[in-house]
Amino acid sequence: MSTGGAFVLLAGLIGVAVVVLGLMSLLFARVTGWRALARQFPARTAFEGPFVFVNGVILGAWGWNAPPLWAGTDEVGIRLRPVAPFVLAFRPVHLPWAAIRGVERREYLFFSSLELRYGEAAGARIGFASSRLVTAIERRLGDGAIVDSLRAAKNGGD
């Protein structure tokens, strides 16, 4: 095979791989529930402030893994932005504190996670295993008003 033919073949294989990765990302965004999450809580402003790289986000009742992403907290909620190239299929999310309906710390064999339930759907949950992000979320949840509203919702509005 000539050098030109090898180059065309390599370029074609790379092109096919990019298309397959893109289609798989779109499918996973739908299957994992990320697409519904991003539609319900889209990030409308640019990400600012301190963020951590997170590779352990679990979505939904079935425990799907989200792609690697950048995450952080602010006074409004939790910001999640998948890394490139996943950001093309997995849109950025800004989950407001007001949408959180419950918080539970879960212990596993080798790690612990903080699971948040949001919205009204039964499988609407997201879990974080990154200790730095969990600490930031717990710090924000400990600010009082958020914890009080979660307790009131759990106790039937008392």
Foldseek 3Di string as FASTA:
>chain_A
DDPVVVVVVVVVVVVVVVVVVVVVLQVCCVVQCLVVQCVVFPDPDDDDDDWDWAQAKFAWPVGDGDHIWIWDADLFAIWTAHDPPSCVNRPIGGDGLVQWQDWDWADDDPFIWIKTAGDDDPGRIMIGGDPVRVVRVVVSCVPPPSVVVNVCSVVVND
